């Protein structure tokens, strides 16, 4: 089985960096691609983030009429990289990605996968920390995630 790959937008990266838990992401997804716009938005680099230029600028420009630069380039890059799944939290960007038949996950979904694989022992403290740095998680999503994690 090949290593799991994902294309990431900036929201998850920024949120995890703010709570000093950026280490979780490459343990869940060993190969993480980001477009240039995301690299600019996050303002940092790591040795495990692979920056890729998006070729389909027409698609990016079209998506930009509905979502931000990072989301637009992340969706376009996911389509260009053999339909890798895309890590998005923005509701509109997620809807667009799904319409384009991309597999979509969010920060909470990625953290659930980390819990399931014993990369993190508990989900709740991480969700609490994310909320403290203004990462918005709906009550419904939080409750469902904690149920799935067996922490409710």
C-alpha atoms as a PDB file:
ATOM      1  CA  UNK A   1       0.000   0.000   0.000  1.00  0.00           C
ATOM      2  CA  UNK A   2       1.405   3.391  -0.937  1.00  0.00           C
ATOM      3  CA  UNK A   3       1.855   6.117   1.648  1.00  0.00           C
ATOM      4  CA  UNK A   4      -1.145   8.327   2.183  1.00  0.00           C
ATOM      5  CA  UNK A   5      -1.012  11.653   0.407  1.00  0.00           C
ATOM      6  CA  UNK A   6      -3.142  14.741   0.898  1.00  0.00           C
ATOM      7  CA  UNK A   7      -3.287  18.292  -0.419  1.00  0.00           C
ATOM      8  CA  UNK A   8      -3.723  20.795   2.393  1.00  0.00           C
ATOM      9  CA  UNK A   9      -5.185  24.253   2.654  1.00  0.00           C
ATOM     10  CA  UNK A  10      -3.776  26.641   5.258  1.00  0.00           C
ATOM     11  CA  UNK A  11      -6.457  26.472   8.010  1.00  0.00           C
ATOM     12  CA  UNK A  12      -5.374  23.138   9.508  1.00  0.00           C
ATOM     13  CA  UNK A  13      -1.679  24.007   9.280  1.00  0.00           C
ATOM     14  CA  UNK A  14      -2.125  27.411  10.943  1.00  0.00           C
ATOM     15  CA  UNK A  15      -4.378  26.006  13.682  1.00  0.00           C
ATOM     16  CA  UNK A  16      -2.023  23.135  14.547  1.00  0.00           C
ATOM     17  CA  UNK A  17       0.973  25.455  14.487  1.00  0.00           C
ATOM     18  CA  UNK A  18      -0.786  27.842  16.922  1.00  0.00           C
ATOM     19  CA  UNK A  19      -1.324  25.028  19.445  1.00  0.00           C
ATOM     20  CA  UNK A  20       2.189  23.637  18.864  1.00  0.00           C
ATOM     21  CA  UNK A  21       0.847  20.299  17.510  1.00  0.00           C
ATOM     22  CA  UNK A  22       1.962  20.517  13.899  1.00  0.00           C
ATOM     23  CA  UNK A  23       3.682  17.168  14.523  1.00  0.00           C
ATOM     24  CA  UNK A  24       0.342  15.323  14.224  1.00  0.00           C
ATOM     25  CA  UNK A  25      -0.303  16.014  10.539  1.00  0.00           C
ATOM     26  CA  UNK A  26       2.734  14.270   8.951  1.00  0.00           C
ATOM     27  CA  UNK A  27       2.110  11.240  11.180  1.00  0.00           C
ATOM     28  CA  UNK A  28      -1.401  10.902   9.712  1.00  0.00           C
ATOM     29  CA  UNK A  29      -0.436  11.865   6.146  1.00  0.00           C
ATOM     30  CA  UNK A  30       3.243  11.146   5.360  1.00  0.00           C
ATOM     31  CA  UNK A  31       3.033  13.084   2.078  1.00  0.00           C
ATOM     32  CA  UNK A  32       1.476  16.546   2.265  1.00  0.00           C
ATOM     33  CA  UNK A  33       1.305  18.767  -0.788  1.00  0.00           C
ATOM     34  CA  UNK A  34       0.529  22.467  -0.567  1.00  0.00           C
ATOM     35  CA  UNK A  35       0.154  25.019  -3.349  1.00  0.00           C
ATOM     36  CA  UNK A  36       2.152  28.260  -3.349  1.00  0.00           C
ATOM     37  CA  UNK A  37      -0.814  30.310  -2.102  1.00  0.00           C
ATOM     38  CA  UNK A  38      -0.999  28.139   1.029  1.00  0.00           C
ATOM     39  CA  UNK A  39       2.744  28.490   1.646  1.00  0.00           C
ATOM     40  CA  UNK A  40       2.293  32.272   1.525  1.00  0.00           C
ATOM     41  CA  UNK A  41      -0.761  32.158   3.828  1.00  0.00           C
ATOM     42  CA  UNK A  42       0.863  29.978   6.500  1.00  0.00           C
ATOM     43  CA  UNK A  43       4.121  31.940   6.574  1.00  0.00           C
ATOM     44  CA  UNK A  44       6.355  28.984   7.464  1.00  0.00           C
ATOM     45  CA  UNK A  45       7.862  25.915   5.856  1.00  0.00           C
ATOM     46  CA  UNK A  46       8.818  22.483   7.102  1.00  0.00           C
ATOM     47  CA  UNK A  47      10.811  19.686   5.552  1.00  0.00           C
ATOM     48  CA  UNK A  48       7.661  17.564   5.177  1.00  0.00           C
ATOM     49  CA  UNK A  49       5.496  20.098   3.303  1.00  0.00           C
ATOM     50  CA  UNK A  50       5.888  19.699  -0.452  1.00  0.00           C
ATOM     51  CA  UNK A  51       5.177  22.943  -2.299  1.00  0.00           C
ATOM     52  CA  UNK A  52       3.764  22.490  -5.786  1.00  0.00           C
ATOM     53  CA  UNK A  53       2.897  25.085  -8.428  1.00  0.00           C
ATOM     54  CA  UNK A  54      -0.664  24.756  -9.719  1.00  0.00           C
ATOM     55  CA  UNK A  55      -0.777  24.542 -13.508  1.00  0.00           C
ATOM     56  CA  UNK A  56      -4.488  25.110 -14.141  1.00  0.00           C
ATOM     57  CA  UNK A  57      -4.660  28.869 -13.564  1.00  0.00           C
ATOM     58  CA  UNK A  58      -8.037  29.092 -15.339  1.00  0.00           C
ATOM     59  CA  UNK A  59      -9.561  26.779 -12.737  1.00  0.00           C
ATOM     60  CA  UNK A  60      -7.883  28.703  -9.903  1.00  0.00           C
ATOM     61  CA  UNK A  61      -9.230  32.014 -11.256  1.00  0.00           C
ATOM     62  CA  UNK A  62     -12.722  30.530 -11.574  1.00  0.00           C
ATOM     63  CA  UNK A  63     -12.630  29.147  -8.022  1.00  0.00           C
ATOM     64  CA  UNK A  64     -11.321  32.498  -6.736  1.00  0.00           C
ATOM     65  CA  UNK A  65     -14.727  34.018  -7.516  1.00  0.00           C
ATOM     66  CA  UNK A  66     -16.148  31.828  -4.722  1.00  0.00           C
ATOM     67  CA  UNK A  67     -13.373  30.986  -2.244  1.00  0.00           C
ATOM     68  CA  UNK A  68      -9.969  32.270  -1.145  1.00  0.00           C
ATOM     69  CA  UNK A  69      -6.600  31.866  -2.847  1.00  0.00           C
ATOM     70  CA  UNK A  70      -5.450  28.985  -0.645  1.00  0.00           C
ATOM     71  CA  UNK A  71      -8.671  27.022  -1.057  1.00  0.00           C
ATOM     72  CA  UNK A  72      -8.740  27.659  -4.813  1.00  0.00           C
ATOM     73  CA  UNK A  73      -5.189  26.464  -5.345  1.00  0.00           C
ATOM     74  CA  UNK A  74      -5.596  23.502  -2.957  1.00  0.00           C
ATOM     75  CA  UNK A  75      -8.675  22.269  -4.857  1.00  0.00           C
ATOM     76  CA  UNK A  76      -6.958  22.750  -8.221  1.00  0.00           C
ATOM     77  CA  UNK A  77      -3.794  20.998  -6.986  1.00  0.00           C
ATOM     78  CA  UNK A  78      -5.807  18.043  -5.646  1.00  0.00           C
ATOM     79  CA  UNK A  79      -7.336  17.615  -9.099  1.00  0.00           C
ATOM     80  CA  UNK A  80      -3.882  17.804 -10.730  1.00  0.00           C
ATOM     81  CA  UNK A  81      -2.275  15.272  -8.365  1.00  0.00           C
ATOM     82  CA  UNK A  82      -4.244  12.175  -9.327  1.00  0.00           C
ATOM     83  CA  UNK A  83      -7.224  13.310  -7.248  1.00  0.00           C
ATOM     84  CA  UNK A  84      -5.458  13.199  -3.889  1.00  0.00           C
ATOM     85  CA  UNK A  85      -7.834  13.964  -1.024  1.00  0.00           C
ATOM     86  CA  UNK A  86      -7.915  17.585   0.071  1.00  0.00           C
ATOM     87  CA  UNK A  87      -7.787  18.958   3.624  1.00  0.00           C
ATOM     88  CA  UNK A  88     -10.295  21.826   3.808  1.00  0.00           C
ATOM     89  CA  UNK A  89     -12.309  23.337   6.655  1.00  0.00           C
ATOM     90  CA  UNK A  90     -14.164  26.145   4.850  1.00  0.00           C
ATOM     91  CA  UNK A  91     -17.755  25.014   4.221  1.00  0.00           C
ATOM     92  CA  UNK A  92     -18.055  26.537   0.735  1.00  0.00           C
ATOM     93  CA  UNK A  93     -14.642  25.195  -0.342  1.00  0.00           C
ATOM     94  CA  UNK A  94     -15.600  21.715   0.916  1.00  0.00           C
ATOM     95  CA  UNK A  95     -18.852  21.819  -1.073  1.00  0.00           C
ATOM     96  CA  UNK A  96     -17.020  22.864  -4.256  1.00  0.00           C
ATOM     97  CA  UNK A  97     -14.364  20.159  -3.805  1.00  0.00           C
ATOM     98  CA  UNK A  98     -17.053  17.510  -3.342  1.00  0.00           C
ATOM     99  CA  UNK A  99     -18.849  18.752  -6.481  1.00  0.00           C
ATOM    100  CA  UNK A 100     -15.549  18.152  -8.314  1.00  0.00           C
ATOM    101  CA  UNK A 101     -15.554  14.573  -6.954  1.00  0.00           C
ATOM    102  CA  UNK A 102     -12.631  15.118  -4.609  1.00  0.00           C
ATOM    103  CA  UNK A 103     -12.366  13.268  -1.316  1.00  0.00           C
ATOM    104  CA  UNK A 104     -12.516  15.919   1.410  1.00  0.00           C
ATOM    105  CA  UNK A 105     -11.511  15.826   5.051  1.00  0.00           C
ATOM    106  CA  UNK A 106     -11.125  18.578   7.604  1.00  0.00           C
ATOM    107  CA  UNK A 107      -8.967  19.243  10.621  1.00  0.00           C
ATOM    108  CA  UNK A 108     -11.373  17.399  12.941  1.00  0.00           C
ATOM    109  CA  UNK A 109     -11.547  14.407  10.570  1.00  0.00           C
ATOM    110  CA  UNK A 110      -7.761  14.286  10.408  1.00  0.00           C
ATOM    111  CA  UNK A 111      -7.579  14.401  14.224  1.00  0.00           C
ATOM    112  CA  UNK A 112     -10.115  11.551  14.453  1.00  0.00           C
ATOM    113  CA  UNK A 113      -7.880   9.514  12.164  1.00  0.00           C
ATOM    114  CA  UNK A 114      -4.917  10.374  14.431  1.00  0.00           C
ATOM    115  CA  UNK A 115      -6.845   9.168  17.495  1.00  0.00           C
ATOM    116  CA  UNK A 116      -7.946   5.964  15.731  1.00  0.00           C
ATOM    117  CA  UNK A 117      -4.296   5.202  14.871  1.00  0.00           C
ATOM    118  CA  UNK A 118      -3.106   6.038  18.431  1.00  0.00           C
ATOM    119  CA  UNK A 119      -1.050   8.996  17.189  1.00  0.00           C
ATOM    120  CA  UNK A 120      -2.845  11.086  19.809  1.00  0.00           C
ATOM    121  CA  UNK A 121      -4.221   9.572  23.046  1.00  0.00           C
ATOM    122  CA  UNK A 122      -7.216  11.925  23.392  1.00  0.00           C
ATOM    123  CA  UNK A 123      -9.149  14.142  20.980  1.00  0.00           C
ATOM    124  CA  UNK A 124     -10.869  16.458  23.479  1.00  0.00           C
ATOM    125  CA  UNK A 125      -7.745  18.317  24.743  1.00  0.00           C
ATOM    126  CA  UNK A 126      -6.744  19.089  21.155  1.00  0.00           C
ATOM    127  CA  UNK A 127     -10.235  20.330  20.247  1.00  0.00           C
ATOM    128  CA  UNK A 128     -10.188  22.473  23.409  1.00  0.00           C
ATOM    129  CA  UNK A 129      -6.786  23.921  22.475  1.00  0.00           C
ATOM    130  CA  UNK A 130      -7.954  24.652  18.908  1.00  0.00           C
ATOM    131  CA  UNK A 131     -11.007  26.508  20.194  1.00  0.00           C
ATOM    132  CA  UNK A 132      -8.768  28.571  22.493  1.00  0.00           C
ATOM    133  CA  UNK A 133      -6.880  29.864  19.422  1.00  0.00           C
ATOM    134  CA  UNK A 134     -10.183  30.775  17.693  1.00  0.00           C
ATOM    135  CA  UNK A 135     -10.411  27.736  15.446  1.00  0.00           C
ATOM    136  CA  UNK A 136     -14.166  27.437  15.033  1.00  0.00           C
ATOM    137  CA  UNK A 137     -15.731  24.015  15.489  1.00  0.00           C
ATOM    138  CA  UNK A 138     -19.515  23.771  15.516  1.00  0.00           C
ATOM    139  CA  UNK A 139     -21.151  22.237  18.560  1.00  0.00           C
ATOM    140  CA  UNK A 140     -22.585  19.472  16.360  1.00  0.00           C
ATOM    141  CA  UNK A 141     -19.205  18.613  14.806  1.00  0.00           C
ATOM    142  CA  UNK A 142     -17.471  18.658  18.193  1.00  0.00           C
ATOM    143  CA  UNK A 143     -20.122  16.407  19.741  1.00  0.00           C
ATOM    144  CA  UNK A 144     -20.060  13.951  16.813  1.00  0.00           C
ATOM    145  CA  UNK A 145     -16.242  13.830  16.801  1.00  0.00           C
ATOM    146  CA  UNK A 146     -16.098  13.133  20.534  1.00  0.00           C
ATOM    147  CA  UNK A 147     -18.734  10.411  20.104  1.00  0.00           C
ATOM    148  CA  UNK A 148     -16.723   8.786  17.301  1.00  0.00           C
ATOM    149  CA  UNK A 149     -13.555   9.053  19.400  1.00  0.00           C
ATOM    150  CA  UNK A 150     -15.312   7.320  22.308  1.00  0.00           C
ATOM    151  CA  UNK A 151     -14.796  10.351  24.533  1.00  0.00           C
ATOM    152  CA  UNK A 152     -18.423  11.305  25.177  1.00  0.00           C
END
